[in-house]
Amino acid sequence: DDMEEDIRNDSFNPLLKIKENDESEDYRQKVARIMLQMI
């Protein structure tokens, strides 16, 4: 939920570490959605 705000504020968000594998924001959202569905 806070991902975009953390990007703007340059705050730490563990989901943003996913960009090391893929620069696409859609990819980060996809990973987060899969994690949430699995849990």
PDB file of all heavy atoms in Angstrom:
ATOM      1  N   ASP A   1       0.828  -1.209   0.000  1.00  0.00           N
ATOM      2  CA  ASP A   1       0.000   0.000   0.000  1.00  0.00           C
ATOM      3  C   ASP A   1       0.866   1.265   0.000  1.00  0.00           C
ATOM      4  O   ASP A   1       0.517   2.271  -0.624  1.00  0.00           O
ATOM      5  CB  ASP A   1      -0.914  -0.026   1.224  1.00  0.00           C
ATOM      6  CG  ASP A   1      -2.012   1.017   1.159  1.00  0.00           C
ATOM      7  OD1 ASP A   1      -2.254   1.566   0.070  1.00  0.00           O
ATOM      8  OD2 ASP A   1      -2.633   1.285   2.205  1.00  0.00           O
ATOM      9  N   ASP A   2       2.001   1.217   0.716  1.00  0.00           N
ATOM     10  CA  ASP A   2       2.861   2.396   0.879  1.00  0.00           C
ATOM     11  C   ASP A   2       3.955   2.510  -0.186  1.00  0.00           C
ATOM     12  O   ASP A   2       4.780   3.424  -0.108  1.00  0.00           O
ATOM     13  CB  ASP A   2       3.531   2.367   2.254  1.00  0.00           C
ATOM     14  CG  ASP A   2       2.529   2.551   3.384  1.00  0.00           C
ATOM     15  OD1 ASP A   2       1.411   3.009   3.105  1.00  0.00           O
ATOM     16  OD2 ASP A   2       2.865   2.222   4.533  1.00  0.00           O
ATOM     17  N   MET A   3       3.978   1.616  -1.149  1.00  0.00           N
ATOM     18  CA  MET A   3       5.108   1.527  -2.072  1.00  0.00           C
ATOM     19  C   MET A   3       5.373   2.846  -2.821  1.00  0.00           C
ATOM     20  O   MET A   3       6.505   3.327  -2.851  1.00  0.00           O
ATOM     21  CB  MET A   3       4.877   0.395  -3.079  1.00  0.00           C
ATOM     22  CG  MET A   3       6.139  -0.054  -3.797  1.00  0.00           C
ATOM     23  SD  MET A   3       5.934  -1.689  -4.543  1.00  0.00           S
ATOM     24  CE  MET A   3       4.573  -1.404  -5.681  1.00  0.00           C
ATOM     25  N   GLU A   4       4.350   3.443  -3.408  1.00  0.00           N
ATOM     26  CA  GLU A   4       4.538   4.676  -4.176  1.00  0.00           C
ATOM     27  C   GLU A   4       4.983   5.826  -3.278  1.00  0.00           C
ATOM     28  O   GLU A   4       5.851   6.618  -3.656  1.00  0.00           O
ATOM     29  CB  GLU A   4       3.239   5.066  -4.908  1.00  0.00           C
ATOM     30  CG  GLU A   4       2.884   4.190  -6.086  1.00  0.00           C
ATOM     31  CD  GLU A   4       2.306   2.855  -5.666  1.00  0.00           C
ATOM     32  OE1 GLU A   4       1.946   2.717  -4.477  1.00  0.00           O
ATOM     33  OE2 GLU A   4       2.213   1.948  -6.519  1.00  0.00           O
ATOM     34  N   GLU A   5       4.378   5.917  -2.086  1.00  0.00           N
ATOM     35  CA  GLU A   5       4.750   6.979  -1.141  1.00  0.00           C
ATOM     36  C   GLU A   5       6.197   6.819  -0.685  1.00  0.00           C
ATOM     37  O   GLU A   5       6.932   7.806  -0.552  1.00  0.00           O
ATOM     38  CB  GLU A   5       3.818   6.950   0.063  1.00  0.00           C
ATOM     39  CG  GLU A   5       4.080   8.061   1.066  1.00  0.00           C
ATOM     40  CD  GLU A   5       3.144   8.022   2.253  1.00  0.00           C
ATOM     41  OE1 GLU A   5       2.165   7.233   2.225  1.00  0.00           O
ATOM     42  OE2 GLU A   5       3.389   8.759   3.226  1.00  0.00           O
ATOM     43  N   ASP A   6       6.630   5.583  -0.464  1.00  0.00           N
ATOM     44  CA  ASP A   6       8.011   5.328  -0.050  1.00  0.00           C
ATOM     45  C   ASP A   6       8.999   5.661  -1.162  1.00  0.00           C
ATOM     46  O   ASP A   6      10.122   6.092  -0.895  1.00  0.00           O
ATOM     47  CB  ASP A   6       8.174   3.861   0.380  1.00  0.00           C
ATOM     48  CG  ASP A   6       7.475   3.564   1.698  1.00  0.00           C
ATOM     49  OD1 ASP A   6       7.281   4.511   2.479  1.00  0.00           O
ATOM     50  OD2 ASP A   6       7.117   2.396   1.947  1.00  0.00           O
ATOM     51  N   ILE A   7       8.580   5.468  -2.413  1.00  0.00           N
ATOM     52  CA  ILE A   7       9.436   5.843  -3.550  1.00  0.00           C
ATOM     53  C   ILE A   7       9.627   7.353  -3.568  1.00  0.00           C
ATOM     54  O   ILE A   7      10.740   7.856  -3.736  1.00  0.00           O
ATOM     55  CB  ILE A   7       8.834   5.355  -4.879  1.00  0.00           C
ATOM     56  CG1 ILE A   7       8.879   3.827  -4.969  1.00  0.00           C
ATOM     57  CG2 ILE A   7       9.592   5.959  -6.064  1.00  0.00           C
ATOM     58  CD1 ILE A   7       8.157   3.245  -6.170  1.00  0.00           C
ATOM     59  N   ARG A   8       8.512   8.092  -3.375  1.00  0.00           N
ATOM     60  CA  ARG A   8       8.579   9.558  -3.387  1.00  0.00           C
ATOM     61  C   ARG A   8       9.426  10.087  -2.235  1.00  0.00           C
ATOM     62  O   ARG A   8      10.164  11.063  -2.397  1.00  0.00           O
ATOM     63  CB  ARG A   8       7.168  10.153  -3.314  1.00  0.00           C
ATOM     64  CG  ARG A   8       6.344   9.987  -4.571  1.00  0.00           C
ATOM     65  CD  ARG A   8       5.110  10.876  -4.546  1.00  0.00           C
ATOM     66  NE  ARG A   8       4.228  10.550  -3.441  1.00  0.00           N
ATOM     67  CZ  ARG A   8       3.222   9.678  -3.518  1.00  0.00           C
ATOM     68  NH1 ARG A   8       2.992   9.038  -4.656  1.00  0.00           N
ATOM     69  NH2 ARG A   8       2.447   9.444  -2.467  1.00  0.00           N
ATOM     70  N   ASN A   9       9.297   9.469  -1.062  1.00  0.00           N
ATOM     71  CA  ASN A   9      10.008   9.944   0.130  1.00  0.00           C
ATOM     72  C   ASN A   9      11.385   9.323   0.300  1.00  0.00           C
ATOM     73  O   ASN A   9      12.074   9.624   1.284  1.00  0.00           O
ATOM     74  CB  ASN A   9       9.163   9.657   1.383  1.00  0.00           C
ATOM     75  CG  ASN A   9       7.830  10.371   1.363  1.00  0.00           C
ATOM     76  OD1 ASN A   9       7.683  11.412   0.729  1.00  0.00           O
ATOM     77  ND2 ASN A   9       6.858   9.808   2.046  1.00  0.00           N
ATOM     78  N   ASP A  10      11.750   8.448  -0.627  1.00  0.00           N
ATOM     79  CA  ASP A  10      13.032   7.741  -0.554  1.00  0.00           C
ATOM     80  C   ASP A  10      13.154   6.983   0.768  1.00  0.00           C
ATOM     81  O   ASP A  10      14.208   6.980   1.409  1.00  0.00           O
ATOM     82  CB  ASP A  10      14.200   8.723  -0.727  1.00  0.00           C
ATOM     83  CG  ASP A  10      15.524   8.010  -1.015  1.00  0.00           C
ATOM     84  OD1 ASP A  10      15.474   6.890  -1.557  1.00  0.00           O
ATOM     85  OD2 ASP A  10      16.588   8.548  -0.678  1.00  0.00           O
ATOM     86  N   SER A  11      12.053   6.346   1.174  1.00  0.00           N
ATOM     87  CA  SER A  11      12.023   5.562   2.411  1.00  0.00           C
ATOM     88  C   SER A  11      12.214   4.083   2.085  1.00  0.00           C
ATOM     89  O   SER A  11      11.907   3.626   0.981  1.00  0.00           O
ATOM     90  CB  SER A  11      10.686   5.747   3.136  1.00  0.00           C
ATOM     91  OG  SER A  11      10.480   7.107   3.458  1.00  0.00           O
ATOM     92  N   PHE A  12      12.673   3.340   3.091  1.00  0.00           N
ATOM     93  CA  PHE A  12      12.899   1.911   2.862  1.00  0.00           C
ATOM     94  C   PHE A  12      11.582   1.170   2.747  1.00  0.00           C
ATOM     95  O   PHE A  12      10.659   1.384   3.533  1.00  0.00           O
ATOM     96  CB  PHE A  12      13.718   1.301   4.000  1.00  0.00           C
ATOM     97  CG  PHE A  12      13.796  -0.199   3.938  1.00  0.00           C
ATOM     98  CD1 PHE A  12      14.548  -0.830   2.958  1.00  0.00           C
ATOM     99  CD2 PHE A  12      13.090  -0.980   4.847  1.00  0.00           C
ATOM    100  CE1 PHE A  12      14.601  -2.213   2.884  1.00  0.00           C
ATOM    101  CE2 PHE A  12      13.144  -2.370   4.786  1.00  0.00           C
ATOM    102  CZ  PHE A  12      13.906  -2.981   3.805  1.00  0.00           C
ATOM    103  N   ASN A  13      11.490   0.324   1.748  1.00  0.00           N
ATOM    104  CA  ASN A  13      10.362  -0.573   1.563  1.00  0.00           C
ATOM    105  C   ASN A  13      10.921  -1.857   0.967  1.00  0.00           C
ATOM    106  O   ASN A  13      11.502  -1.821  -0.120  1.00  0.00           O
ATOM    107  CB  ASN A  13       9.317   0.045   0.626  1.00  0.00           C
ATOM    108  CG  ASN A  13       8.045  -0.784   0.525  1.00  0.00           C
ATOM    109  OD1 ASN A  13       8.087  -2.003   0.420  1.00  0.00           O
ATOM    110  ND2 ASN A  13       6.909  -0.116   0.550  1.00  0.00           N
ATOM    111  N   PRO A  14      10.780  -2.995   1.661  1.00  0.00           N
ATOM    112  CA  PRO A  14      11.405  -4.229   1.176  1.00  0.00           C
ATOM    113  C   PRO A  14      10.942  -4.659  -0.207  1.00  0.00           C
ATOM    114  O   PRO A  14      11.674  -5.352  -0.913  1.00  0.00           O
ATOM    115  CB  PRO A  14      11.022  -5.269   2.244  1.00  0.00           C
ATOM    116  CG  PRO A  14       9.849  -4.687   2.946  1.00  0.00           C
ATOM    117  CD  PRO A  14      10.040  -3.210   2.912  1.00  0.00           C
ATOM    118  N   LEU A  15       9.726  -4.238  -0.613  1.00  0.00           N
ATOM    119  CA  LEU A  15       9.242  -4.589  -1.941  1.00  0.00           C
ATOM    120  C   LEU A  15      10.054  -3.911  -3.038  1.00  0.00           C
ATOM    121  O   LEU A  15      10.133  -4.397  -4.162  1.00  0.00           O
ATOM    122  CB  LEU A  15       7.761  -4.225  -2.087  1.00  0.00           C
ATOM    123  CG  LEU A  15       6.776  -5.083  -1.291  1.00  0.00           C
ATOM    124  CD1 LEU A  15       5.375  -4.513  -1.417  1.00  0.00           C
ATOM    125  CD2 LEU A  15       6.803  -6.526  -1.771  1.00  0.00           C
ATOM    126  N   LEU A  16      10.674  -2.776  -2.712  1.00  0.00           N
ATOM    127  CA  LEU A  16      11.462  -2.044  -3.706  1.00  0.00           C
ATOM    128  C   LEU A  16      12.775  -2.753  -4.020  1.00  0.00           C
ATOM    129  O   LEU A  16      13.408  -2.451  -5.030  1.00  0.00           O
ATOM    130  CB  LEU A  16      11.736  -0.617  -3.214  1.00  0.00           C
ATOM    131  CG  LEU A  16      10.499   0.244  -2.946  1.00  0.00           C
ATOM    132  CD1 LEU A  16      10.904   1.637  -2.487  1.00  0.00           C
ATOM    133  CD2 LEU A  16       9.621   0.325  -4.181  1.00  0.00           C
ATOM    134  N   LYS A  17      13.175  -3.686  -3.164  1.00  0.00           N
ATOM    135  CA  LYS A  17      14.389  -4.450  -3.443  1.00  0.00           C
ATOM    136  C   LYS A  17      14.201  -5.383  -4.638  1.00  0.00           C
ATOM    137  O   LYS A  17      15.170  -5.835  -5.247  1.00  0.00           O
ATOM    138  CB  LYS A  17      14.798  -5.280  -2.216  1.00  0.00           C
ATOM    139  CG  LYS A  17      15.339  -4.437  -1.063  1.00  0.00           C
ATOM    140  CD  LYS A  17      15.716  -5.296   0.118  1.00  0.00           C
ATOM    141  CE  LYS A  17      16.903  -6.198  -0.185  1.00  0.00           C
ATOM    142  NZ  LYS A  17      18.148  -5.463  -0.427  1.00  0.00           N
ATOM    143  N   ILE A  18      12.952  -5.633  -4.993  1.00  0.00           N
ATOM    144  CA  ILE A  18      12.663  -6.503  -6.132  1.00  0.00           C
ATOM    145  C   ILE A  18      13.155  -5.886  -7.427  1.00  0.00           C
ATOM    146  O   ILE A  18      13.422  -6.580  -8.393  1.00  0.00           O
ATOM    147  CB  ILE A  18      11.138  -6.789  -6.201  1.00  0.00           C
ATOM    148  CG1 ILE A  18      10.706  -7.521  -4.934  1.00  0.00           C
ATOM    149  CG2 ILE A  18      10.773  -7.613  -7.418  1.00  0.00           C
ATOM    150  CD1 ILE A  18       9.198  -7.694  -4.795  1.00  0.00           C
ATOM    151  N   LYS A  19      13.338  -4.546  -7.456  1.00  0.00           N
ATOM    152  CA  LYS A  19      13.790  -3.879  -8.678  1.00  0.00           C
ATOM    153  C   LYS A  19      15.196  -4.313  -9.085  1.00  0.00           C
ATOM    154  O   LYS A  19      15.635  -4.041 -10.204  1.00  0.00           O
ATOM    155  CB  LYS A  19      13.757  -2.365  -8.496  1.00  0.00           C
ATOM    156  CG  LYS A  19      14.792  -1.816  -7.514  1.00  0.00           C
ATOM    157  CD  LYS A  19      14.669  -0.319  -7.356  1.00  0.00           C
ATOM    158  CE  LYS A  19      15.711   0.223  -6.371  1.00  0.00           C
ATOM    159  NZ  LYS A  19      15.578   1.667  -6.174  1.00  0.00           N
ATOM    160  N   GLU A  20      15.924  -4.971  -8.157  1.00  0.00           N
ATOM    161  CA  GLU A  20      17.246  -5.478  -8.512  1.00  0.00           C
ATOM    162  C   GLU A  20      17.128  -6.551  -9.588  1.00  0.00           C
ATOM    163  O   GLU A  20      18.042  -6.757 -10.377  1.00  0.00           O
ATOM    164  CB  GLU A  20      17.941  -6.056  -7.276  1.00  0.00           C
ATOM    165  CG  GLU A  20      18.224  -5.001  -6.201  1.00  0.00           C
ATOM    166  CD  GLU A  20      18.760  -5.622  -4.919  1.00  0.00           C
ATOM    167  OE1 GLU A  20      18.914  -6.855  -4.893  1.00  0.00           O
ATOM    168  OE2 GLU A  20      19.032  -4.870  -3.976  1.00  0.00           O
ATOM    169  N   ASN A  21      15.981  -7.234  -9.615  1.00  0.00           N
ATOM    170  CA  ASN A  21      15.759  -8.276 -10.616  1.00  0.00           C
ATOM    171  C   ASN A  21      15.003  -7.765 -11.834  1.00  0.00           C
ATOM    172  O   ASN A  21      15.151  -8.285 -12.924  1.00  0.00           O
ATOM    173  CB  ASN A  21      14.968  -9.435  -9.996  1.00  0.00           C
ATOM    174  CG  ASN A  21      15.687 -10.020  -8.797  1.00  0.00           C
ATOM    175  OD1 ASN A  21      16.899 -10.176  -8.822  1.00  0.00           O
ATOM    176  ND2 ASN A  21      14.947 -10.329  -7.742  1.00  0.00           N
ATOM    177  N   ASP A  22      14.174  -6.757 -11.613  1.00  0.00           N
ATOM    178  CA  ASP A  22      13.366  -6.229 -12.705  1.00  0.00           C
ATOM    179  C   ASP A  22      13.010  -4.786 -12.366  1.00  0.00           C
ATOM    180  O   ASP A  22      12.516  -4.515 -11.278  1.00  0.00           O
ATOM    181  CB  ASP A  22      12.094  -7.062 -12.866  1.00  0.00           C
ATOM    182  CG  ASP A  22      11.356  -6.760 -14.158  1.00  0.00           C
ATOM    183  OD1 ASP A  22      11.037  -5.579 -14.394  1.00  0.00           O
ATOM    184  OD2 ASP A  22      11.104  -7.706 -14.922  1.00  0.00           O
ATOM    185  N   GLU A  23      13.222  -3.862 -13.283  1.00  0.00           N
ATOM    186  CA  GLU A  23      12.981  -2.443 -13.018  1.00  0.00           C
ATOM    187  C   GLU A  23      11.499  -2.077 -13.096  1.00  0.00           C
ATOM    188  O   GLU A  23      11.108  -0.980 -12.743  1.00  0.00           O
ATOM    189  CB  GLU A  23      13.757  -1.587 -14.034  1.00  0.00           C
ATOM    190  CG  GLU A  23      15.267  -1.634 -13.848  1.00  0.00           C
ATOM    191  CD  GLU A  23      15.705  -0.977 -12.555  1.00  0.00           C
ATOM    192  OE1 GLU A  23      14.996  -0.100 -12.070  1.00  0.00           O
ATOM    193  OE2 GLU A  23      16.756  -1.370 -12.031  1.00  0.00           O
ATOM    194  N   SER A  24      10.658  -2.988 -13.580  1.00  0.00           N
ATOM    195  CA  SER A  24       9.252  -2.682 -13.800  1.00  0.00           C
ATOM    196  C   SER A  24       8.476  -2.634 -12.489  1.00  0.00           C
ATOM    197  O   SER A  24       8.574  -3.535 -11.662  1.00  0.00           O
ATOM    198  CB  SER A  24       8.627  -3.742 -14.717  1.00  0.00           C
ATOM    199  OG  SER A  24       7.231  -3.612 -14.743  1.00  0.00           O
ATOM    200  N   GLU A  25       7.710  -1.565 -12.319  1.00  0.00           N
ATOM    201  CA  GLU A  25       6.862  -1.442 -11.134  1.00  0.00           C
ATOM    202  C   GLU A  25       5.752  -2.485 -11.170  1.00  0.00           C
ATOM    203  O   GLU A  25       5.333  -3.000 -10.139  1.00  0.00           O
ATOM    204  CB  GLU A  25       6.262  -0.031 -11.074  1.00  0.00           C
ATOM    205  CG  GLU A  25       5.456   0.233  -9.817  1.00  0.00           C
ATOM    206  CD  GLU A  25       4.999   1.674  -9.728  1.00  0.00           C
ATOM    207  OE1 GLU A  25       5.630   2.543 -10.346  1.00  0.00           O
ATOM    208  OE2 GLU A  25       4.002   1.912  -9.033  1.00  0.00           O
ATOM    209  N   ASP A  26       5.273  -2.826 -12.389  1.00  0.00           N
ATOM    210  CA  ASP A  26       4.246  -3.847 -12.525  1.00  0.00           C
ATOM    211  C   ASP A  26       4.755  -5.199 -12.014  1.00  0.00           C
ATOM    212  O   ASP A  26       3.995  -5.976 -11.453  1.00  0.00           O
ATOM    213  CB  ASP A  26       3.828  -3.983 -13.994  1.00  0.00           C
ATOM    214  CG  ASP A  26       3.065  -2.754 -14.478  1.00  0.00           C
ATOM    215  OD1 ASP A  26       2.496  -2.058 -13.624  1.00  0.00           O
ATOM    216  OD2 ASP A  26       3.057  -2.504 -15.682  1.00  0.00           O
ATOM    217  N   TYR A  27       6.031  -5.463 -12.208  1.00  0.00           N
ATOM    218  CA  TYR A  27       6.608  -6.723 -11.744  1.00  0.00           C
ATOM    219  C   TYR A  27       6.603  -6.776 -10.219  1.00  0.00           C
ATOM    220  O   TYR A  27       6.278  -7.802  -9.625  1.00  0.00           O
ATOM    221  CB  TYR A  27       8.037  -6.865 -12.275  1.00  0.00           C
ATOM    222  CG  TYR A  27       8.724  -8.135 -11.839  1.00  0.00           C
ATOM    223  CD1 TYR A  27       8.400  -9.354 -12.420  1.00  0.00           C
ATOM    224  CD2 TYR A  27       9.684  -8.118 -10.830  1.00  0.00           C
ATOM    225  CE1 TYR A  27       9.019 -10.530 -12.003  1.00  0.00           C
ATOM    226  CE2 TYR A  27      10.306  -9.282 -10.411  1.00  0.00           C
ATOM    227  CZ  TYR A  27       9.967 -10.482 -11.009  1.00  0.00           C
ATOM    228  OH  TYR A  27      10.578 -11.634 -10.594  1.00  0.00           O
ATOM    229  N   ARG A  28       6.946  -5.660  -9.577  1.00  0.00           N
ATOM    230  CA  ARG A  28       6.929  -5.611  -8.112  1.00  0.00           C
ATOM    231  C   ARG A  28       5.513  -5.838  -7.582  1.00  0.00           C
ATOM    232  O   ARG A  28       5.309  -6.535  -6.593  1.00  0.00           O
ATOM    233  CB  ARG A  28       7.472  -4.266  -7.626  1.00  0.00           C
ATOM    234  CG  ARG A  28       8.962  -4.078  -7.857  1.00  0.00           C
ATOM    235  CD  ARG A  28       9.490  -2.948  -6.997  1.00  0.00           C
ATOM    236  NE  ARG A  28       8.952  -1.661  -7.359  1.00  0.00           N
ATOM    237  CZ  ARG A  28       9.544  -0.796  -8.193  1.00  0.00           C
ATOM    238  NH1 ARG A  28      10.689  -1.116  -8.756  1.00  0.00           N
ATOM    239  NH2 ARG A  28       8.998   0.363  -8.455  1.00  0.00           N
ATOM    240  N   GLN A  29       4.526  -5.224  -8.244  1.00  0.00           N
ATOM    241  CA  GLN A  29       3.140  -5.409  -7.842  1.00  0.00           C
ATOM    242  C   GLN A  29       2.705  -6.860  -8.008  1.00  0.00           C
ATOM    243  O   GLN A  29       1.997  -7.409  -7.160  1.00  0.00           O
ATOM    244  CB  GLN A  29       2.221  -4.493  -8.658  1.00  0.00           C
ATOM    245  CG  GLN A  29       2.332  -3.027  -8.309  1.00  0.00           C
ATOM    246  CD  GLN A  29       1.180  -2.212  -8.865  1.00  0.00           C
ATOM    247  OE1 GLN A  29       0.159  -2.753  -9.269  1.00  0.00           O
ATOM    248  NE2 GLN A  29       1.334  -0.905  -8.878  1.00  0.00           N
ATOM    249  N   LYS A  30       3.153  -7.467  -9.087  1.00  0.00           N
ATOM    250  CA  LYS A  30       2.804  -8.859  -9.352  1.00  0.00           C
ATOM    251  C   LYS A  30       3.363  -9.773  -8.264  1.00  0.00           C
ATOM    252  O   LYS A  30       2.670 -10.658  -7.767  1.00  0.00           O
ATOM    253  CB  LYS A  30       3.339  -9.281 -10.719  1.00  0.00           C
ATOM    254  CG  LYS A  30       2.950 -10.693 -11.131  1.00  0.00           C
ATOM    255  CD  LYS A  30       3.476 -11.030 -12.512  1.00  0.00           C
ATOM    256  CE  LYS A  30       3.089 -12.453 -12.896  1.00  0.00           C
ATOM    257  NZ  LYS A  30       3.615 -12.816 -14.239  1.00  0.00           N
ATOM    258  N   VAL A  31       4.622  -9.541  -7.881  1.00  0.00           N
ATOM    259  CA  VAL A  31       5.257 -10.349  -6.834  1.00  0.00           C
ATOM    260  C   VAL A  31       4.515 -10.172  -5.508  1.00  0.00           C
ATOM    261  O   VAL A  31       4.248 -11.149  -4.795  1.00  0.00           O
ATOM    262  CB  VAL A  31       6.744  -9.972  -6.679  1.00  0.00           C
ATOM    263  CG1 VAL A  31       7.346 -10.650  -5.451  1.00  0.00           C
ATOM    264  CG2 VAL A  31       7.526 -10.357  -7.927  1.00  0.00           C
ATOM    265  N   ALA A  32       4.171  -8.918  -5.166  1.00  0.00           N
ATOM    266  CA  ALA A  32       3.459  -8.635  -3.920  1.00  0.00           C
ATOM    267  C   ALA A  32       2.096  -9.327  -3.908  1.00  0.00           C
ATOM    268  O   ALA A  32       1.689  -9.911  -2.896  1.00  0.00           O
ATOM    269  CB  ALA A  32       3.295  -7.133  -3.734  1.00  0.00           C
ATOM    270  N   ARG A  33       1.391  -9.278  -5.036  1.00  0.00           N
ATOM    271  CA  ARG A  33       0.070  -9.910  -5.123  1.00  0.00           C
ATOM    272  C   ARG A  33       0.170 -11.422  -4.954  1.00  0.00           C
ATOM    273  O   ARG A  33      -0.651 -12.039  -4.278  1.00  0.00           O
ATOM    274  CB  ARG A  33      -0.581  -9.569  -6.459  1.00  0.00           C
ATOM    275  CG  ARG A  33      -1.039  -8.111  -6.553  1.00  0.00           C
ATOM    276  CD  ARG A  33      -1.443  -7.739  -7.967  1.00  0.00           C
ATOM    277  NE  ARG A  33      -2.589  -8.505  -8.432  1.00  0.00           N
ATOM    278  CZ  ARG A  33      -3.134  -8.372  -9.635  1.00  0.00           C
ATOM    279  NH1 ARG A  33      -2.608  -7.512 -10.505  1.00  0.00           N
ATOM    280  NH2 ARG A  33      -4.177  -9.086  -9.985  1.00  0.00           N
ATOM    281  N   ILE A  34       1.185 -12.019  -5.557  1.00  0.00           N
ATOM    282  CA  ILE A  34       1.380 -13.467  -5.431  1.00  0.00           C
ATOM    283  C   ILE A  34       1.671 -13.838  -3.976  1.00  0.00           C
ATOM    284  O   ILE A  34       1.120 -14.806  -3.444  1.00  0.00           O
ATOM    285  CB  ILE A  34       2.527 -13.942  -6.351  1.00  0.00           C
ATOM    286  CG1 ILE A  34       2.102 -13.824  -7.823  1.00  0.00           C
ATOM    287  CG2 ILE A  34       2.913 -15.386  -6.031  1.00  0.00           C
ATOM    288  CD1 ILE A  34       3.214 -14.093  -8.815  1.00  0.00           C
ATOM    289  N   MET A  35       2.524 -13.050  -3.324  1.00  0.00           N
ATOM    290  CA  MET A  35       2.846 -13.305  -1.915  1.00  0.00           C
ATOM    291  C   MET A  35       1.594 -13.217  -1.046  1.00  0.00           C
ATOM    292  O   MET A  35       1.346 -14.076  -0.195  1.00  0.00           O
ATOM    293  CB  MET A  35       3.887 -12.304  -1.423  1.00  0.00           C
ATOM    294  CG  MET A  35       5.276 -12.500  -1.978  1.00  0.00           C
ATOM    295  SD  MET A  35       6.468 -11.374  -1.221  1.00  0.00           S
ATOM    296  CE  MET A  35       6.528 -12.033   0.442  1.00  0.00           C
ATOM    297  N   LEU A  36       0.799 -12.179  -1.266  1.00  0.00           N
ATOM    298  CA  LEU A  36      -0.414 -11.981  -0.475  1.00  0.00           C
ATOM    299  C   LEU A  36      -1.415 -13.113  -0.703  1.00  0.00           C
ATOM    300  O   LEU A  36      -2.051 -13.593   0.245  1.00  0.00           O
ATOM    301  CB  LEU A  36      -1.053 -10.632  -0.824  1.00  0.00           C
ATOM    302  CG  LEU A  36      -0.285  -9.394  -0.331  1.00  0.00           C
ATOM    303  CD1 LEU A  36      -0.794  -8.143  -1.027  1.00  0.00           C
ATOM    304  CD2 LEU A  36      -0.407  -9.260   1.182  1.00  0.00           C
ATOM    305  N   GLN A  37      -1.544 -13.550  -1.956  1.00  0.00           N
ATOM    306  CA  GLN A  37      -2.468 -14.638  -2.266  1.00  0.00           C
ATOM    307  C   GLN A  37      -2.011 -15.939  -1.616  1.00  0.00           C
ATOM    308  O   GLN A  37      -2.821 -16.694  -1.070  1.00  0.00           O
ATOM    309  CB  GLN A  37      -2.577 -14.823  -3.791  1.00  0.00           C
ATOM    310  CG  GLN A  37      -3.248 -13.678  -4.517  1.00  0.00           C
ATOM    311  CD  GLN A  37      -4.741 -13.603  -4.273  1.00  0.00           C
ATOM    312  OE1 GLN A  37      -5.296 -14.376  -3.494  1.00  0.00           O
ATOM    313  NE2 GLN A  37      -5.409 -12.660  -4.915  1.00  0.00           N
ATOM    314  N   MET A  38      -0.704 -16.197  -1.652  1.00  0.00           N
ATOM    315  CA  MET A  38      -0.176 -17.438  -1.068  1.00  0.00           C
ATOM    316  C   MET A  38      -0.370 -17.466   0.442  1.00  0.00           C
ATOM    317  O   MET A  38      -0.765 -18.487   1.016  1.00  0.00           O
ATOM    318  CB  MET A  38       1.303 -17.582  -1.420  1.00  0.00           C
ATOM    319  CG  MET A  38       1.568 -17.902  -2.879  1.00  0.00           C
ATOM    320  SD  MET A  38       3.331 -17.993  -3.266  1.00  0.00           S
ATOM    321  CE  MET A  38       3.829 -19.413  -2.284  1.00  0.00           C
ATOM    322  N   ILE A  39      -0.095 -16.322   1.103  1.00  0.00           N
ATOM    323  CA  ILE A  39      -0.279 -16.250   2.562  1.00  0.00           C
ATOM    324  C   ILE A  39      -1.754 -16.401   2.910  1.00  0.00           C
ATOM    325  O   ILE A  39      -2.123 -17.100   3.857  1.00  0.00           O
ATOM    326  CB  ILE A  39       0.275 -14.935   3.128  1.00  0.00           C
ATOM    327  CG1 ILE A  39       1.780 -14.826   2.883  1.00  0.00           C
ATOM    328  CG2 ILE A  39      -0.003 -14.838   4.627  1.00  0.00           C
ATOM    329  CD1 ILE A  39       2.375 -13.476   3.235  1.00  0.00           C
TER     330      ILE A  39
END
